[in-house]
Amino acid sequence: MKTTVKTPAKTGNPHHELGRRGEDLAVAYLTGQGLVVLDRNWRCRDGELDLILTDGSIVVVCEVKTRAGTDFGHPAEAVDDRKARRVRRLTNTWLAAYRVPWCELRFDIVAITWPAGQMPRIHHMKDAF
């Protein structure tokens, strides 16, 4: 299986920068838990997968959501049924693109709340959808 790990470029947009920092933090957190990154920000014409990792023999597709606060709800609430279906479809496309044989899959969410000037709070939900 090919491993392609990319770090997103800086955009200058504060919301995008927060998202990029959140993904960097999620990678550090997950690799600290023993997961191995296979791909990051994988794109195709139908969308993007944030993180694809392995946890032992399990392929983990992780959606990362970062917010500065909870005024608009918890970051994980952004992963609704529609988003979960899209991630599953994109995962099938990724598996086919890399010709990954049958494998056990898990779909996680890492939700990060990171208020300005404060320490971030990480909430990792395994098998979230």
Protein backbone atom coordinates (compact mmCIF):
# COMPACT_ATOMS: atom_id res chain seq x y z
CA MET A 1 0.00 0.00 0.00
CA LYS A 2 1.43 3.39 -1.00
CA THR A 3 1.88 5.96 1.75
CA THR A 4 1.42 9.63 0.85
CA VAL A 5 1.60 12.04 3.73
CA LYS A 6 1.25 15.71 2.87
CA THR A 7 1.10 18.78 5.05
CA PRO A 8 -1.41 21.31 3.73
CA ALA A 9 -0.01 24.64 2.56
CA LYS A 10 -0.74 27.80 4.51
CA THR A 11 -3.65 29.72 3.01
CA GLY A 12 -3.76 33.02 4.89
CA ASN A 13 -7.46 32.43 5.66
CA PRO A 14 -7.89 32.31 9.48
CA HIS A 15 -10.56 29.56 9.29
CA HIS A 16 -8.41 27.44 6.98
CA GLU A 17 -5.38 28.04 9.20
CA LEU A 18 -7.32 26.87 12.27
CA GLY A 19 -8.38 23.76 10.35
CA ARG A 20 -4.80 23.09 9.24
CA ARG A 21 -3.49 23.49 12.79
CA GLY A 22 -6.26 21.20 14.01
CA GLU A 23 -5.29 18.53 11.48
CA ASP A 24 -1.63 18.85 12.50
CA LEU A 25 -2.67 18.40 16.14
CA ALA A 26 -4.89 15.42 15.26
CA VAL A 27 -1.97 13.75 13.43
CA ALA A 28 0.31 14.28 16.44
CA TYR A 29 -2.36 12.96 18.81
CA LEU A 30 -3.22 9.89 16.72
CA THR A 31 0.39 8.93 15.98
CA GLY A 32 1.06 9.34 19.70
CA GLN A 33 -1.67 6.73 20.23
CA GLY A 34 0.22 4.35 17.92
CA LEU A 35 -1.68 4.89 14.66
CA VAL A 36 0.29 5.22 11.42
CA VAL A 37 -0.65 7.82 8.79
CA LEU A 38 -1.15 6.41 5.28
CA ASP A 39 -2.58 9.50 3.61
CA ARG A 40 -3.57 13.04 4.48
CA ASN A 41 -5.96 15.37 2.64
CA TRP A 42 -6.49 12.81 -0.11
CA ARG A 43 -8.53 14.39 -2.89
CA CYS A 44 -10.47 13.18 -5.86
CA ARG A 45 -13.12 14.86 -7.99
CA ASP A 46 -15.83 13.90 -5.48
CA GLY A 47 -14.21 15.34 -2.36
CA GLU A 48 -11.51 14.91 0.25
CA LEU A 49 -10.62 12.54 3.08
CA ASP A 50 -8.82 14.24 5.97
CA LEU A 51 -6.76 11.37 7.38
CA ILE A 52 -6.31 7.72 6.50
CA LEU A 53 -4.36 5.72 9.06
CA THR A 54 -3.80 2.21 10.31
CA ASP A 55 -4.43 1.00 13.84
CA GLY A 56 -2.79 -2.40 13.73
CA SER A 57 -4.50 -4.20 10.85
CA ILE A 58 -7.49 -1.81 10.80
CA VAL A 59 -7.68 0.99 8.23
CA VAL A 60 -8.99 4.09 10.00
CA VAL A 61 -10.59 6.96 8.09
CA CYS A 62 -10.67 10.00 10.34
CA GLU A 63 -12.66 13.17 9.84
CA VAL A 64 -11.10 16.11 11.69
CA LYS A 65 -13.24 19.06 12.75
CA THR A 66 -11.74 22.08 14.49
CA ARG A 67 -13.63 25.05 15.88
CA ALA A 68 -12.55 28.09 17.89
CA GLY A 69 -15.54 27.63 20.18
CA THR A 70 -18.91 25.96 20.57
CA ASP A 71 -21.15 28.91 19.63
CA PHE A 72 -22.30 26.90 16.62
CA GLY A 73 -22.26 23.53 18.39
CA HIS A 74 -19.60 20.93 19.12
CA PRO A 75 -17.22 20.37 16.18
CA ALA A 76 -18.33 16.72 15.84
CA GLU A 77 -21.88 17.87 15.09
CA ALA A 78 -20.63 18.97 11.66
CA VAL A 79 -20.33 15.28 10.75
CA ASP A 80 -23.97 14.56 10.05
CA ASP A 81 -25.45 11.55 8.22
CA ARG A 82 -24.90 13.17 4.83
CA LYS A 83 -21.22 13.85 5.58
CA ALA A 84 -20.76 10.30 6.93
CA ARG A 85 -22.23 8.82 3.72
CA ARG A 86 -19.90 10.99 1.65
CA VAL A 87 -16.85 9.88 3.66
CA ARG A 88 -17.86 6.23 3.18
CA ARG A 89 -18.21 6.74 -0.60
CA LEU A 90 -14.85 8.51 -0.79
CA THR A 91 -13.28 5.71 1.24
CA ASN A 92 -14.46 3.18 -1.35
CA THR A 93 -12.87 5.36 -4.04
CA TRP A 94 -9.60 5.55 -2.07
CA LEU A 95 -9.56 1.77 -1.52
CA ALA A 96 -10.10 1.18 -5.24
CA ALA A 97 -7.49 3.78 -6.27
CA TYR A 98 -4.82 2.05 -4.18
CA ARG A 99 -6.14 -1.44 -4.89
CA VAL A 100 -6.40 -2.18 -1.20
CA PRO A 101 -7.64 -5.74 -0.67
CA TRP A 102 -10.47 -6.45 1.72
CA CYS A 103 -9.71 -4.91 5.09
CA GLU A 104 -11.40 -4.01 8.33
CA LEU A 105 -12.44 -0.35 8.34
CA ARG A 106 -13.17 2.07 11.13
CA PHE A 107 -14.52 5.61 10.84
CA ASP A 108 -13.36 8.02 13.55
CA ILE A 109 -13.89 11.69 14.30
CA VAL A 110 -11.35 13.92 16.01
CA ALA A 111 -13.17 17.03 17.23
CA ILE A 112 -10.97 19.87 18.42
CA THR A 113 -12.12 22.99 20.22
CA TRP A 114 -9.33 25.56 20.18
CA PRO A 115 -10.29 28.98 21.60
CA ALA A 116 -7.87 31.81 20.80
CA GLY A 117 -5.08 32.03 23.35
CA GLN A 118 -6.08 28.78 25.08
CA MET A 119 -5.02 25.16 24.97
CA PRO A 120 -6.95 22.98 22.51
CA ARG A 121 -9.35 20.29 23.69
CA ILE A 122 -9.29 17.04 21.71
CA HIS A 123 -12.20 14.61 21.61
CA HIS A 124 -11.44 11.37 19.72
CA MET A 125 -14.50 9.32 18.84
CA LYS A 126 -13.60 5.84 17.61
CA ASP A 127 -16.10 4.05 15.37
CA ALA A 128 -18.12 7.27 15.20
CA PHE A 129 -20.15 6.28 12.13
